[in-house]
Amino acid sequence: MSTAQHPPGRARPGGRTARTRAAVLAAAFDELGDKGFAALTMEGVAQRAGVHQATIYRRWRTVEGLVCALLTERSGSVPVPDTGTLCGDLRTLARGIGVFYEDARNRAMIEAVVSAAARDPRAEEVLRDFFDDRLGVAGVMVRRAVDRGELPPGTDAEAVVGALGAPFYYRMLIVRRPVDLELVEQATFATYAAAKAGAYVRTGEAQSGEARTGSTQPGQAETGEAQAGQAQTGEARTG
């Protein structure tokens, strides 16, 4: 028998446990869409889901924990691709993000939490934890690309994934325009080109690389100076 411990909201699926979890997360999704983060309560979710509040508190402990589980659950429908090339992975992930946010309720969910995060430290923490988790999960495709030699060593996987997703959130949350296929292609190629060029290599790695490739070996500087001096002497004699 396994003795592994499961984090809050991550109990093993099956039977009543799975049905209860699904009902609670669906209720939280609907409550969040109808009322926004500020008005989201365990009581309201429990009533909509038809379960006891104690059940929700026992699994998720806080509203913030529940929302974090909801964000993770919903975004899990966007799988991390493995096409064999970084460009293919980036394009597939970008398309998945685009399809995800075509759903108006998904957009409303992220908009509600982002809006709340500007005012509520608890919501800010939920949002940060969610994106940290997603960047870490999706970063595997960048690490594979480094291992294959497609990207320079020391490339920051989370920075690459963040650069791919940033245009989508700018489009939705700042300029308030729809996500389209053109944005998918632009985000893909811009991120790919920058990553290939070493734009996301960690600063320490870049400096170390420069030190290794740019430094002279012992005696090289002296030899170069001597050669320059000899050239100047030769010019003086022939001039």
Protein backbone atom coordinates (compact mmCIF):
# COMPACT_ATOMS: atom_id res chain seq x y z
CA MET A 1 0.00 0.00 0.00
CA SER A 2 1.35 3.43 -0.92
CA THR A 3 2.02 5.88 1.88
CA ALA A 4 2.66 8.85 -0.43
CA GLN A 5 1.09 12.09 0.73
CA HIS A 6 -0.99 14.13 -1.71
CA PRO A 7 -1.04 17.94 -1.54
CA PRO A 8 -4.30 19.80 -0.90
CA GLY A 9 -6.73 19.38 -3.79
CA ARG A 10 -4.60 16.66 -5.36
CA ALA A 11 -6.16 13.57 -3.83
CA ARG A 12 -6.03 10.48 -5.99
CA PRO A 13 -8.92 10.49 -8.48
CA GLY A 14 -11.58 7.84 -8.43
CA GLY A 15 -15.19 7.40 -7.40
CA ARG A 16 -16.74 9.97 -5.10
CA THR A 17 -13.43 11.79 -4.58
CA ALA A 18 -13.11 12.52 -8.29
CA ARG A 19 -16.75 13.56 -8.60
CA THR A 20 -16.50 15.89 -5.62
CA ARG A 21 -13.32 17.49 -6.90
CA ALA A 22 -14.83 18.00 -10.35
CA ALA A 23 -18.02 19.48 -8.88
CA VAL A 24 -16.12 21.91 -6.63
CA LEU A 25 -13.77 23.12 -9.35
CA ALA A 26 -16.67 23.55 -11.80
CA ALA A 27 -18.58 25.52 -9.16
CA ALA A 28 -15.55 27.68 -8.43
CA PHE A 29 -15.14 28.36 -12.16
CA ASP A 30 -18.78 29.43 -12.46
CA GLU A 31 -18.66 31.52 -9.26
CA LEU A 32 -15.50 33.25 -10.39
CA GLY A 33 -17.02 34.02 -13.78
CA ASP A 34 -20.26 35.33 -12.25
CA LYS A 35 -18.95 37.25 -9.25
CA GLY A 36 -15.21 37.80 -9.66
CA PHE A 37 -12.40 36.94 -7.29
CA ALA A 38 -13.26 39.49 -4.61
CA ALA A 39 -16.72 37.97 -4.02
CA LEU A 40 -15.60 34.34 -4.25
CA THR A 41 -16.31 32.46 -1.00
CA MET A 42 -16.07 28.88 0.16
CA GLU A 43 -19.74 29.08 1.15
CA GLY A 44 -20.84 30.14 -2.33
CA VAL A 45 -18.77 27.42 -3.98
CA ALA A 46 -20.11 24.80 -1.55
CA GLN A 47 -23.71 25.78 -2.23
CA ARG A 48 -23.25 25.71 -5.98
CA ALA A 49 -21.38 22.40 -5.87
CA GLY A 50 -23.79 20.79 -3.43
CA VAL A 51 -21.10 19.80 -0.92
CA HIS A 52 -20.28 20.75 2.66
CA GLN A 53 -17.93 23.69 3.26
CA ALA A 54 -15.84 21.44 5.49
CA THR A 55 -15.05 19.24 2.50
CA ILE A 56 -13.67 22.21 0.57
CA TYR A 57 -11.73 23.56 3.54
CA ARG A 58 -10.22 20.15 4.21
CA ARG A 59 -8.88 19.83 0.66
CA TRP A 60 -8.03 23.38 -0.35
CA ARG A 61 -7.89 25.21 3.01
CA THR A 62 -8.33 28.70 1.52
CA VAL A 63 -10.05 30.46 -1.38
CA GLU A 64 -6.59 31.18 -2.78
CA GLY A 65 -5.67 27.50 -2.72
CA LEU A 66 -8.91 26.65 -4.49
CA VAL A 67 -8.34 29.24 -7.22
CA CYS A 68 -4.77 28.08 -7.72
CA ALA A 69 -6.04 24.51 -8.17
CA LEU A 70 -8.68 25.77 -10.60
CA LEU A 71 -6.16 27.69 -12.71
CA THR A 72 -3.85 24.68 -12.81
CA GLU A 73 -6.72 22.34 -13.66
CA ARG A 74 -8.05 24.50 -16.48
CA SER A 75 -4.63 25.24 -17.99
CA GLY A 76 -3.80 21.54 -17.92
CA SER A 77 -5.83 21.27 -21.11
CA VAL A 78 -2.88 22.95 -22.84
CA PRO A 79 -0.35 20.08 -23.03
CA VAL A 80 3.41 20.51 -23.24
CA PRO A 81 4.31 19.43 -26.80
CA ASP A 82 7.18 17.23 -27.92
CA THR A 83 7.44 17.57 -31.71
CA GLY A 84 11.17 16.95 -31.90
CA THR A 85 12.12 20.55 -32.66
CA LEU A 86 11.97 23.70 -30.58
CA CYS A 87 10.19 25.68 -33.29
CA GLY A 88 7.54 22.98 -33.57
CA ASP A 89 7.12 22.86 -29.78
CA LEU A 90 6.79 26.62 -29.51
CA ARG A 91 4.22 26.80 -32.31
CA THR A 92 2.16 23.96 -30.87
CA LEU A 93 2.18 25.47 -27.39
CA ALA A 94 1.30 28.91 -28.78
CA ARG A 95 -1.66 27.43 -30.65
CA GLY A 96 -2.78 25.66 -27.49
CA ILE A 97 -2.67 28.93 -25.55
CA GLY A 98 -4.64 30.64 -28.31
CA VAL A 99 -7.34 27.97 -28.33
CA PHE A 100 -7.56 28.04 -24.53
CA TYR A 101 -8.24 31.78 -24.46
CA GLU A 102 -10.81 31.60 -27.24
CA ASP A 103 -13.12 30.40 -24.47
CA ALA A 104 -14.68 33.54 -23.01
CA ARG A 105 -14.91 32.01 -19.55
CA ASN A 106 -11.22 31.18 -19.52
CA ARG A 107 -10.47 34.79 -20.45
CA ALA A 108 -12.83 35.99 -17.74
CA MET A 109 -11.12 33.75 -15.20
CA ILE A 110 -7.62 35.06 -15.85
CA GLU A 111 -8.90 38.64 -16.12
CA ALA A 112 -10.64 38.33 -12.74
CA VAL A 113 -7.56 37.01 -10.98
CA VAL A 114 -5.21 39.52 -12.62
CA SER A 115 -7.54 42.36 -11.64
CA ALA A 116 -7.76 41.07 -8.09
CA ALA A 117 -3.99 40.64 -7.89
CA ALA A 118 -3.55 44.38 -8.37
CA ARG A 119 -5.44 44.98 -5.11
CA ASP A 120 -5.19 41.81 -3.07
CA PRO A 121 -1.84 40.30 -1.98
CA ARG A 122 -3.53 36.90 -1.67
CA ALA A 123 -4.63 36.98 -5.30
CA GLU A 124 -1.18 38.21 -6.30
CA GLU A 125 0.37 35.18 -4.65
CA VAL A 126 -2.10 32.83 -6.37
CA LEU A 127 -1.30 34.33 -9.75
CA ARG A 128 2.46 34.21 -9.19
CA ASP A 129 2.35 30.60 -7.99
CA PHE A 130 0.24 29.61 -10.98
CA PHE A 131 2.59 31.11 -13.55
CA ASP A 132 5.67 29.80 -11.74
CA ASP A 133 4.16 26.33 -11.96
CA ARG A 134 3.22 26.61 -15.64
CA LEU A 135 6.60 28.09 -16.64
CA GLY A 136 8.36 25.29 -14.83
CA VAL A 137 6.24 22.59 -16.48
CA ALA A 138 6.51 24.01 -20.01
CA GLY A 139 10.21 24.73 -19.56
CA VAL A 140 10.97 21.06 -20.22
CA MET A 141 10.66 21.61 -23.97
CA VAL A 142 13.36 24.30 -23.82
CA ARG A 143 15.64 22.10 -21.74
CA ARG A 144 15.23 19.35 -24.32
CA ALA A 145 16.24 21.83 -27.03
CA VAL A 146 19.40 22.71 -25.09
CA ASP A 147 20.22 19.01 -24.74
CA ARG A 148 19.75 18.55 -28.50
CA GLY A 149 22.10 21.45 -29.20
CA GLU A 150 19.38 23.66 -30.68
CA LEU A 151 19.92 26.37 -28.08
CA PRO A 152 23.02 27.70 -26.33
CA PRO A 153 23.94 26.17 -22.98
CA GLY A 154 22.64 28.20 -20.07
CA THR A 155 19.41 29.22 -21.83
CA ASP A 156 16.80 30.15 -19.23
CA ALA A 157 13.88 27.80 -19.97
CA GLU A 158 11.33 29.79 -17.97
CA ALA A 159 12.37 33.03 -19.71
CA VAL A 160 11.81 31.48 -23.14
CA VAL A 161 8.35 30.18 -22.22
CA GLY A 162 7.50 33.52 -20.63
CA ALA A 163 8.49 35.35 -23.80
CA LEU A 164 6.22 33.08 -25.84
CA GLY A 165 3.21 33.71 -23.59
CA ALA A 166 3.73 37.42 -22.99
CA PRO A 167 2.18 38.64 -26.30
CA PHE A 168 -1.02 36.74 -25.53
CA TYR A 169 -1.50 38.40 -22.15
CA TYR A 170 -0.59 41.80 -23.58
CA ARG A 171 -3.19 41.32 -26.32
CA MET A 172 -5.93 40.16 -23.93
CA LEU A 173 -5.31 42.24 -20.82
CA ILE A 174 -3.74 45.47 -22.08
CA VAL A 175 -4.96 46.30 -25.59
CA ARG A 176 -8.10 44.16 -25.16
CA ARG A 177 -8.09 42.53 -28.55
CA PRO A 178 -8.78 38.92 -29.58
CA VAL A 179 -6.07 36.31 -29.98
CA ASP A 180 -5.64 35.11 -33.56
CA LEU A 181 -3.45 32.84 -35.68
CA GLU A 182 -1.25 35.73 -36.76
CA LEU A 183 -0.32 36.36 -33.13
CA VAL A 184 0.48 32.66 -32.71
CA GLU A 185 2.94 32.77 -35.61
CA GLN A 186 4.49 36.08 -34.53
CA ALA A 187 5.04 34.89 -30.98
CA THR A 188 6.49 31.61 -32.19
CA PHE A 189 9.06 33.03 -34.59
CA ALA A 190 10.05 35.98 -32.41
CA THR A 191 10.69 33.74 -29.43
CA TYR A 192 12.47 31.10 -31.49
CA ALA A 193 14.77 33.60 -33.19
CA ALA A 194 15.64 35.32 -29.91
CA ALA A 195 16.32 32.02 -28.15
CA LYS A 196 18.54 30.79 -30.99
CA ALA A 197 20.48 34.06 -30.85
CA GLY A 198 21.20 33.57 -27.16
CA ALA A 199 18.92 36.32 -25.89
CA TYR A 200 17.77 34.17 -22.97
CA VAL A 201 21.12 32.83 -21.85
CA ARG A 202 21.53 33.56 -18.15
CA THR A 203 23.80 36.53 -17.50
CA GLY A 204 26.29 34.51 -15.49
CA GLU A 205 26.55 31.93 -18.26
CA ALA A 206 27.01 34.62 -20.89
CA GLN A 207 29.75 36.33 -18.92
CA SER A 208 31.50 33.02 -18.36
CA GLY A 209 31.29 32.28 -22.07
CA GLU A 210 32.75 35.66 -22.96
CA ALA A 211 35.53 35.15 -20.50
CA ARG A 212 36.34 31.77 -22.02
CA THR A 213 36.23 32.90 -25.65
CA GLY A 214 37.44 36.44 -25.27
CA SER A 215 40.40 35.98 -22.95
CA THR A 216 43.91 35.57 -24.35
CA GLN A 217 46.15 32.68 -23.47
CA PRO A 218 49.37 33.38 -21.57
CA GLY A 219 51.88 34.94 -23.89
CA GLN A 220 49.35 35.87 -26.58
CA ALA A 221 49.17 39.52 -25.53
CA GLU A 222 52.93 39.81 -25.37
CA THR A 223 53.31 38.13 -28.76
CA GLY A 224 50.74 40.45 -30.32
CA GLU A 225 52.49 43.52 -28.91
CA ALA A 226 55.85 42.27 -30.16
CA GLN A 227 54.45 41.67 -33.63
CA ALA A 228 52.91 45.15 -33.69
CA GLY A 229 56.26 46.62 -32.65
CA GLN A 230 58.09 44.68 -35.36
CA ALA A 231 55.62 45.93 -37.97
CA GLN A 232 56.14 49.52 -36.86
CA THR A 233 59.94 49.07 -36.97
CA GLY A 234 59.74 47.58 -40.46
CA GLU A 235 57.63 50.51 -41.63
CA ALA A 236 60.18 52.93 -40.25
CA ARG A 237 63.05 51.21 -42.08
CA THR A 238 61.25 51.07 -45.43
CA GLY A 239 59.80 54.53 -45.09
